[in-house]
PDB file of N, CA and C in Angstrom:
ATOM      1  N   MET A   1     127.687  68.070  83.797  1.00  0.00           N
ATOM      2  CA  MET A   1     127.734  69.523  83.797  1.00  0.00           C
ATOM      3  C   MET A   1     126.948  70.074  84.983  1.00  0.00           C
ATOM      4  N   SER A   2     127.444  71.113  85.537  1.00  0.00           N
ATOM      5  CA  SER A   2     126.741  71.736  86.658  1.00  0.00           C
ATOM      6  C   SER A   2     125.611  72.585  86.097  1.00  0.00           C
ATOM      7  N   ASN A   3     124.696  72.964  86.970  1.00  0.00           N
ATOM      8  CA  ASN A   3     123.597  73.791  86.595  1.00  0.00           C
ATOM      9  C   ASN A   3     124.065  75.153  86.050  1.00  0.00           C
ATOM     10  N   ALA A   4     125.080  75.687  86.679  1.00  0.00           N
ATOM     11  CA  ALA A   4     125.609  76.987  86.204  1.00  0.00           C
ATOM     12  C   ALA A   4     126.201  76.873  84.795  1.00  0.00           C
ATOM     13  N   THR A   5     126.898  75.763  84.551  1.00  0.00           N
ATOM     14  CA  THR A   5     127.493  75.568  83.234  1.00  0.00           C
ATOM     15  C   THR A   5     126.402  75.349  82.188  1.00  0.00           C
ATOM     16  N   GLU A   6     125.405  74.582  82.535  1.00  0.00           N
ATOM     17  CA  GLU A   6     124.255  74.345  81.631  1.00  0.00           C
ATOM     18  C   GLU A   6     123.562  75.684  81.326  1.00  0.00           C
ATOM     19  N   GLU A   7     123.368  76.497  82.338  1.00  0.00           N
ATOM     20  CA  GLU A   7     122.711  77.779  82.154  1.00  0.00           C
ATOM     21  C   GLU A   7     123.511  78.696  81.221  1.00  0.00           C
ATOM     22  N   VAL A   8     124.829  78.700  81.412  1.00  0.00           N
ATOM     23  CA  VAL A   8     125.683  79.527  80.543  1.00  0.00           C
ATOM     24  C   VAL A   8     125.589  79.005  79.093  1.00  0.00           C
ATOM     25  N   ALA A   9     125.626  77.693  78.876  1.00  0.00           N
ATOM     26  CA  ALA A   9     125.502  77.110  77.572  1.00  0.00           C
ATOM     27  C   ALA A   9     124.196  77.415  76.935  1.00  0.00           C
ATOM     28  N   GLN A  10     123.111  77.369  77.713  1.00  0.00           N
ATOM     29  CA  GLN A  10     121.791  77.669  77.224  1.00  0.00           C
ATOM     30  C   GLN A  10     121.686  79.163  76.808  1.00  0.00           C
ATOM     31  N   ASP A  11     122.260  80.018  77.644  1.00  0.00           N
ATOM     32  CA  ASP A  11     122.264  81.430  77.333  1.00  0.00           C
ATOM     33  C   ASP A  11     123.058  81.750  76.070  1.00  0.00           C
ATOM     34  N   GLN A  12     124.185  81.088  75.918  1.00  0.00           N
ATOM     35  CA  GLN A  12     124.973  81.247  74.706  1.00  0.00           C
ATOM     36  C   GLN A  12     124.207  80.781  73.462  1.00  0.00           C
ATOM     37  N   LEU A  13     123.599  79.622  73.553  1.00  0.00           N
ATOM     38  CA  LEU A  13     122.835  79.053  72.474  1.00  0.00           C
ATOM     39  C   LEU A  13     121.697  80.000  72.106  1.00  0.00           C
ATOM     40  N   ARG A  14     120.971  80.464  73.099  1.00  0.00           N
ATOM     41  CA  ARG A  14     119.847  81.411  72.844  1.00  0.00           C
ATOM     42  C   ARG A  14     120.352  82.669  72.179  1.00  0.00           C
ATOM     43  N   SER A  15     121.477  83.150  72.613  1.00  0.00           N
ATOM     44  CA  SER A  15     122.096  84.345  72.009  1.00  0.00           C
ATOM     45  C   SER A  15     122.422  84.124  70.546  1.00  0.00           C
ATOM     46  N   PHE A  16     123.071  82.977  70.259  1.00  0.00           N
ATOM     47  CA  PHE A  16     123.423  82.653  68.856  1.00  0.00           C
ATOM     48  C   PHE A  16     122.178  82.585  68.005  1.00  0.00           C
ATOM     49  N   VAL A  17     121.169  81.874  68.487  1.00  0.00           N
ATOM     50  CA  VAL A  17     119.931  81.668  67.742  1.00  0.00           C
ATOM     51  C   VAL A  17     119.264  83.031  67.475  1.00  0.00           C
ATOM     52  N   GLU A  18     119.186  83.898  68.471  1.00  0.00           N
ATOM     53  CA  GLU A  18     118.522  85.182  68.337  1.00  0.00           C
ATOM     54  C   GLU A  18     119.332  86.062  67.356  1.00  0.00           C
ATOM     55  N   ARG A  19     120.643  86.019  67.428  1.00  0.00           N
ATOM     56  CA  ARG A  19     121.469  86.819  66.484  1.00  0.00           C
ATOM     57  C   ARG A  19     121.275  86.364  65.074  1.00  0.00           C
ATOM     58  N   ILE A  20     121.257  85.015  64.869  1.00  0.00           N
ATOM     59  CA  ILE A  20     121.039  84.466  63.508  1.00  0.00           C
ATOM     60  C   ILE A  20     119.684  84.839  63.018  1.00  0.00           C
ATOM     61  N   GLU A  21     118.663  84.751  63.855  1.00  0.00           N
ATOM     62  CA  GLU A  21     117.310  85.135  63.425  1.00  0.00           C
ATOM     63  C   GLU A  21     117.230  86.585  63.038  1.00  0.00           C
ATOM     64  N   ARG A  22     117.882  87.445  63.768  1.00  0.00           N
ATOM     65  CA  ARG A  22     117.897  88.884  63.491  1.00  0.00           C
ATOM     66  C   ARG A  22     118.603  89.131  62.173  1.00  0.00           C
ATOM     67  N   LEU A  23     119.724  88.462  61.967  1.00  0.00           N
ATOM     68  CA  LEU A  23     120.468  88.634  60.707  1.00  0.00           C
ATOM     69  C   LEU A  23     119.685  88.115  59.497  1.00  0.00           C
ATOM     70  N   GLU A  24     119.003  86.986  59.700  1.00  0.00           N
ATOM     71  CA  GLU A  24     118.144  86.400  58.627  1.00  0.00           C
ATOM     72  C   GLU A  24     117.060  87.400  58.261  1.00  0.00           C
ATOM     73  N   GLU A  25     116.480  88.056  59.228  1.00  0.00           N
ATOM     74  CA  GLU A  25     115.391  89.062  58.962  1.00  0.00           C
ATOM     75  C   GLU A  25     116.001  90.256  58.215  1.00  0.00           C
ATOM     76  N   GLU A  26     117.185  90.700  58.633  1.00  0.00           N
ATOM     77  CA  GLU A  26     117.861  91.803  57.919  1.00  0.00           C
ATOM     78  C   GLU A  26     118.169  91.418  56.495  1.00  0.00           C
ATOM     79  N   LYS A  27     118.620  90.165  56.313  1.00  0.00           N
ATOM     80  CA  LYS A  27     118.952  89.680  54.955  1.00  0.00           C
ATOM     81  C   LYS A  27     117.683  89.683  54.097  1.00  0.00           C
ATOM     82  N   LYS A  28     116.559  89.243  54.653  1.00  0.00           N
ATOM     83  CA  LYS A  28     115.285  89.244  53.905  1.00  0.00           C
ATOM     84  C   LYS A  28     114.894  90.661  53.514  1.00  0.00           C
ATOM     85  N   THR A  29     115.049  91.603  54.459  1.00  0.00           N
ATOM     86  CA  THR A  29     114.730  92.990  54.149  1.00  0.00           C
ATOM     87  C   THR A  29     115.576  93.536  53.045  1.00  0.00           C
ATOM     88  N   ILE A  30     116.904  93.256  53.122  1.00  0.00           N
ATOM     89  CA  ILE A  30     117.793  93.724  52.092  1.00  0.00           C
ATOM     90  C   ILE A  30     117.457  93.075  50.729  1.00  0.00           C
ATOM     91  N   SER A  31     117.163  91.776  50.740  1.00  0.00           N
ATOM     92  CA  SER A  31     116.753  91.083  49.515  1.00  0.00           C
ATOM     93  C   SER A  31     115.521  91.735  48.903  1.00  0.00           C
ATOM     94  N   ASP A  32     114.560  92.046  49.731  1.00  0.00           N
ATOM     95  CA  ASP A  32     113.328  92.708  49.255  1.00  0.00           C
ATOM     96  C   ASP A  32     113.665  94.071  48.680  1.00  0.00           C
ATOM     97  N   ASP A  33     114.592  94.800  49.327  1.00  0.00           N
ATOM     98  CA  ASP A  33     114.989  96.123  48.812  1.00  0.00           C
ATOM     99  C   ASP A  33     115.654  95.998  47.452  1.00  0.00           C
ATOM    100  N   ILE A  34     116.476  94.989  47.274  1.00  0.00           N
ATOM    101  CA  ILE A  34     117.148  94.743  45.984  1.00  0.00           C
ATOM    102  C   ILE A  34     116.114  94.436  44.919  1.00  0.00           C
ATOM    103  N   LYS A  35     115.152  93.607  45.222  1.00  0.00           N
ATOM    104  CA  LYS A  35     114.067  93.289  44.288  1.00  0.00           C
ATOM    105  C   LYS A  35     113.370  94.564  43.886  1.00  0.00           C
ATOM    106  N   ASP A  36     113.100  95.461  44.820  1.00  0.00           N
ATOM    107  CA  ASP A  36     112.402  96.711  44.549  1.00  0.00           C
ATOM    108  C   ASP A  36     113.217  97.550  43.576  1.00  0.00           C
ATOM    109  N   VAL A  37     114.545  97.598  43.744  1.00  0.00           N
ATOM    110  CA  VAL A  37     115.405  98.413  42.887  1.00  0.00           C
ATOM    111  C   VAL A  37     115.387  97.830  41.462  1.00  0.00           C
ATOM    112  N   TYR A  38     115.464  96.493  41.340  1.00  0.00           N
ATOM    113  CA  TYR A  38     115.399  95.869  40.055  1.00  0.00           C
ATOM    114  C   TYR A  38     114.031  96.165  39.374  1.00  0.00           C
ATOM    115  N   ALA A  39     112.972  96.125  40.144  1.00  0.00           N
ATOM    116  CA  ALA A  39     111.664  96.428  39.592  1.00  0.00           C
ATOM    117  C   ALA A  39     111.576  97.874  39.105  1.00  0.00           C
ATOM    118  N   GLU A  40     112.187  98.786  39.872  1.00  0.00           N
ATOM    119  CA  GLU A  40     112.223 100.176  39.504  1.00  0.00           C
ATOM    120  C   GLU A  40     113.022 100.367  38.207  1.00  0.00           C
ATOM    121  N   ALA A  41     114.156  99.673  38.107  1.00  0.00           N
ATOM    122  CA  ALA A  41     114.961  99.734  36.919  1.00  0.00           C
ATOM    123  C   ALA A  41     114.213  99.212  35.721  1.00  0.00           C
ATOM    124  N   LYS A  42     113.509  98.102  35.907  1.00  0.00           N
ATOM    125  CA  LYS A  42     112.716  97.505  34.827  1.00  0.00           C
ATOM    126  C   LYS A  42     111.629  98.505  34.405  1.00  0.00           C
ATOM    127  N   GLY A  43     111.026  99.151  35.367  1.00  0.00           N
ATOM    128  CA  GLY A  43     109.969 100.100  35.089  1.00  0.00           C
ATOM    129  C   GLY A  43     110.416 101.309  34.271  1.00  0.00           C
ATOM    130  N   THR A  44     111.697 101.569  34.333  1.00  0.00           N
ATOM    131  CA  THR A  44     112.227 102.685  33.578  1.00  0.00           C
ATOM    132  C   THR A  44     112.850 102.231  32.262  1.00  0.00           C
ATOM    133  N   GLY A  45     112.706 100.922  31.952  1.00  0.00           N
ATOM    134  CA  GLY A  45     113.111 100.420  30.653  1.00  0.00           C
ATOM    135  C   GLY A  45     114.406  99.663  30.606  1.00  0.00           C
ATOM    136  N   PHE A  46     115.076  99.434  31.719  1.00  0.00           N
ATOM    137  CA  PHE A  46     116.305  98.691  31.689  1.00  0.00           C
ATOM    138  C   PHE A  46     116.041  97.208  31.613  1.00  0.00           C
ATOM    139  N   ASP A  47     116.947  96.454  30.923  1.00  0.00           N
ATOM    140  CA  ASP A  47     116.850  95.016  30.810  1.00  0.00           C
ATOM    141  C   ASP A  47     117.455  94.395  32.064  1.00  0.00           C
ATOM    142  N   ILE A  48     116.645  93.700  32.850  1.00  0.00           N
ATOM    143  CA  ILE A  48     117.026  93.193  34.138  1.00  0.00           C
ATOM    144  C   ILE A  48     118.104  92.096  34.022  1.00  0.00           C
ATOM    145  N   LYS A  49     117.966  91.232  33.010  1.00  0.00           N
ATOM    146  CA  LYS A  49     118.976  90.186  32.852  1.00  0.00           C
ATOM    147  C   LYS A  49     120.351  90.798  32.615  1.00  0.00           C
ATOM    148  N   VAL A  50     120.417  91.802  31.783  1.00  0.00           N
ATOM    149  CA  VAL A  50     121.681  92.466  31.496  1.00  0.00           C
ATOM    150  C   VAL A  50     122.164  93.238  32.710  1.00  0.00           C
ATOM    151  N   LEU A  51     121.263  93.870  33.424  1.00  0.00           N
ATOM    152  CA  LEU A  51     121.623  94.584  34.661  1.00  0.00           C
ATOM    153  C   LEU A  51     122.240  93.633  35.681  1.00  0.00           C
ATOM    154  N   ARG A  52     121.639  92.436  35.811  1.00  0.00           N
ATOM    155  CA  ARG A  52     122.213  91.440  36.766  1.00  0.00           C
ATOM    156  C   ARG A  52     123.561  91.003  36.308  1.00  0.00           C
ATOM    157  N   LYS A  53     123.756  90.851  34.974  1.00  0.00           N
ATOM    158  CA  LYS A  53     125.093  90.488  34.474  1.00  0.00           C
ATOM    159  C   LYS A  53     126.100  91.552  34.780  1.00  0.00           C
ATOM    160  N   VAL A  54     125.727  92.839  34.582  1.00  0.00           N
ATOM    161  CA  VAL A  54     126.619  93.940  34.876  1.00  0.00           C
ATOM    162  C   VAL A  54     127.018  93.930  36.344  1.00  0.00           C
ATOM    163  N   ILE A  55     126.068  93.704  37.233  1.00  0.00           N
ATOM    164  CA  ILE A  55     126.354  93.620  38.672  1.00  0.00           C
ATOM    165  C   ILE A  55     127.357  92.466  38.920  1.00  0.00           C
ATOM    166  N   SER A  56     127.120  91.332  38.309  1.00  0.00           N
ATOM    167  CA  SER A  56     128.014  90.165  38.469  1.00  0.00           C
ATOM    168  C   SER A  56     129.401  90.514  37.993  1.00  0.00           C
ATOM    169  N   LEU A  57     129.498  91.122  36.826  1.00  0.00           N
ATOM    170  CA  LEU A  57     130.842  91.475  36.266  1.00  0.00           C
ATOM    171  C   LEU A  57     131.581  92.471  37.149  1.00  0.00           C
ATOM    172  N   ARG A  58     130.852  93.413  37.737  1.00  0.00           N
ATOM    173  CA  ARG A  58     131.480  94.398  38.568  1.00  0.00           C
ATOM    174  C   ARG A  58     132.113  93.805  39.851  1.00  0.00           C
ATOM    175  N   LYS A  59     131.606  92.631  40.237  1.00  0.00           N
ATOM    176  CA  LYS A  59     132.147  91.966  41.421  1.00  0.00           C
ATOM    177  C   LYS A  59     133.491  91.314  41.124  1.00  0.00           C
ATOM    178  N   GLN A  60     133.787  91.073  39.832  1.00  0.00           N
ATOM    179  CA  GLN A  60     135.027  90.392  39.482  1.00  0.00           C
ATOM    180  C   GLN A  60     136.137  91.401  39.257  1.00  0.00           C
ATOM    181  N   ASP A  61     137.371  90.946  39.456  1.00  0.00           N
ATOM    182  CA  ASP A  61     138.467  91.830  39.102  1.00  0.00           C
ATOM    183  C   ASP A  61     138.708  91.756  37.595  1.00  0.00           C
ATOM    184  N   ALA A  62     139.448  92.733  37.054  1.00  0.00           N
ATOM    185  CA  ALA A  62     139.647  92.881  35.615  1.00  0.00           C
ATOM    186  C   ALA A  62     140.209  91.595  35.004  1.00  0.00           C
ATOM    187  N   ASN A  63     141.187  90.981  35.631  1.00  0.00           N
ATOM    188  CA  ASN A  63     141.838  89.786  35.089  1.00  0.00           C
ATOM    189  C   ASN A  63     140.847  88.628  35.002  1.00  0.00           C
ATOM    190  N   GLU A  64     140.099  88.448  36.035  1.00  0.00           N
ATOM    191  CA  GLU A  64     139.099  87.354  36.029  1.00  0.00           C
ATOM    192  C   GLU A  64     138.050  87.584  34.975  1.00  0.00           C
ATOM    193  N   ARG A  65     137.605  88.805  34.833  1.00  0.00           N
ATOM    194  CA  ARG A  65     136.632  89.177  33.823  1.00  0.00           C
ATOM    195  C   ARG A  65     137.149  88.899  32.425  1.00  0.00           C
ATOM    196  N   GLN A  66     138.411  89.347  32.145  1.00  0.00           N
ATOM    197  CA  GLN A  66     138.991  89.126  30.822  1.00  0.00           C
ATOM    198  C   GLN A  66     139.158  87.636  30.557  1.00  0.00           C
ATOM    199  N   GLU A  67     139.575  86.867  31.542  1.00  0.00           N
ATOM    200  CA  GLU A  67     139.703  85.413  31.333  1.00  0.00           C
ATOM    201  C   GLU A  67     138.365  84.779  30.971  1.00  0.00           C
ATOM    202  N   GLN A  68     137.307  85.165  31.699  1.00  0.00           N
ATOM    203  CA  GLN A  68     136.018  84.574  31.385  1.00  0.00           C
ATOM    204  C   GLN A  68     135.537  85.010  29.976  1.00  0.00           C
ATOM    205  N   GLU A  69     135.765  86.263  29.607  1.00  0.00           N
ATOM    206  CA  GLU A  69     135.380  86.715  28.269  1.00  0.00           C
ATOM    207  C   GLU A  69     136.125  85.989  27.191  1.00  0.00           C
ATOM    208  N   ALA A  70     137.402  85.670  27.402  1.00  0.00           N
ATOM    209  CA  ALA A  70     138.222  84.932  26.438  1.00  0.00           C
ATOM    210  C   ALA A  70     137.702  83.494  26.294  1.00  0.00           C
ATOM    211  N   ILE A  71     137.299  82.905  27.432  1.00  0.00           N
ATOM    212  CA  ILE A  71     136.790  81.521  27.357  1.00  0.00           C
ATOM    213  C   ILE A  71     135.436  81.538  26.652  1.00  0.00           C
ATOM    214  N   LEU A  72     134.595  82.521  26.952  1.00  0.00           N
ATOM    215  CA  LEU A  72     133.312  82.651  26.312  1.00  0.00           C
ATOM    216  C   LEU A  72     133.477  82.787  24.793  1.00  0.00           C
ATOM    217  N   ASP A  73     134.422  83.665  24.382  1.00  0.00           N
ATOM    218  CA  ASP A  73     134.705  83.842  22.933  1.00  0.00           C
ATOM    219  C   ASP A  73     135.138  82.523  22.311  1.00  0.00           C
ATOM    220  N   LEU A  74     136.020  81.761  23.006  1.00  0.00           N
ATOM    221  CA  LEU A  74     136.472  80.489  22.496  1.00  0.00           C
ATOM    222  C   LEU A  74     135.291  79.526  22.326  1.00  0.00           C
ATOM    223  N   TYR A  75     134.446  79.422  23.282  1.00  0.00           N
ATOM    224  CA  TYR A  75     133.272  78.518  23.190  1.00  0.00           C
ATOM    225  C   TYR A  75     132.375  78.950  22.064  1.00  0.00           C
ATOM    226  N   LEU A  76     132.107  80.268  21.946  1.00  0.00           N
ATOM    227  CA  LEU A  76     131.221  80.735  20.862  1.00  0.00           C
ATOM    228  C   LEU A  76     131.853  80.428  19.472  1.00  0.00           C
ATOM    229  N   GLN A  77     133.132  80.616  19.355  1.00  0.00           N
ATOM    230  CA  GLN A  77     133.789  80.291  18.085  1.00  0.00           C
ATOM    231  C   GLN A  77     133.682  78.797  17.814  1.00  0.00           C
ATOM    232  N   ALA A  78     133.876  77.974  18.794  1.00  0.00           N
ATOM    233  CA  ALA A  78     133.796  76.494  18.615  1.00  0.00           C
ATOM    234  C   ALA A  78     132.409  76.097  18.168  1.00  0.00           C
ATOM    235  N   LEU A  79     131.408  76.839  18.592  1.00  0.00           N
ATOM    236  CA  LEU A  79     130.018  76.531  18.207  1.00  0.00           C
ATOM    237  C   LEU A  79     129.564  77.250  16.948  1.00  0.00           C
ATOM    238  N   GLY A  80     130.505  77.989  16.341  1.00  0.00           N
ATOM    239  CA  GLY A  80     130.183  78.721  15.093  1.00  0.00           C
ATOM    240  C   GLY A  80     129.192  79.847  15.338  1.00  0.00           C
ATOM    241  N   MET A  81     129.270  80.472  16.507  1.00  0.00           N
ATOM    242  CA  MET A  81     128.329  81.556  16.865  1.00  0.00           C
ATOM    243  C   MET A  81     128.937  82.941  16.736  1.00  0.00           C
ATOM    244  N   MET A  82     130.188  83.011  16.261  1.00  0.00           N
ATOM    245  CA  MET A  82     130.852  84.292  16.115  1.00  0.00           C
ATOM    246  C   MET A  82     131.093  84.548  14.660  1.00  0.00           C
ATOM    247  N   ASN A  83     131.043  85.809  14.229  1.00  0.00           N
ATOM    248  CA  ASN A  83     131.239  86.185  12.846  1.00  0.00           C
ATOM    249  C   ASN A  83     132.700  86.103  12.445  1.00  0.00           C
TER     250      ASN A  83
END
């Protein structure tokens, strides 16, 4: 490889590394912000485990959610945990 080619490759590598580092820092900041919101919700009396489950369920489409609920019901029945 020529010096010019090596320099271009080094610049690209440096650029990728710096972009990834910047995004990782943004991700950490967002993660900290999410923790703060959960703490605020907990402070006002909300159950955090249930809140996390609600967030998880909202990410699913209705069909996927219904399928999982049906499977959960089946498992609970098999274990004698349903009335």
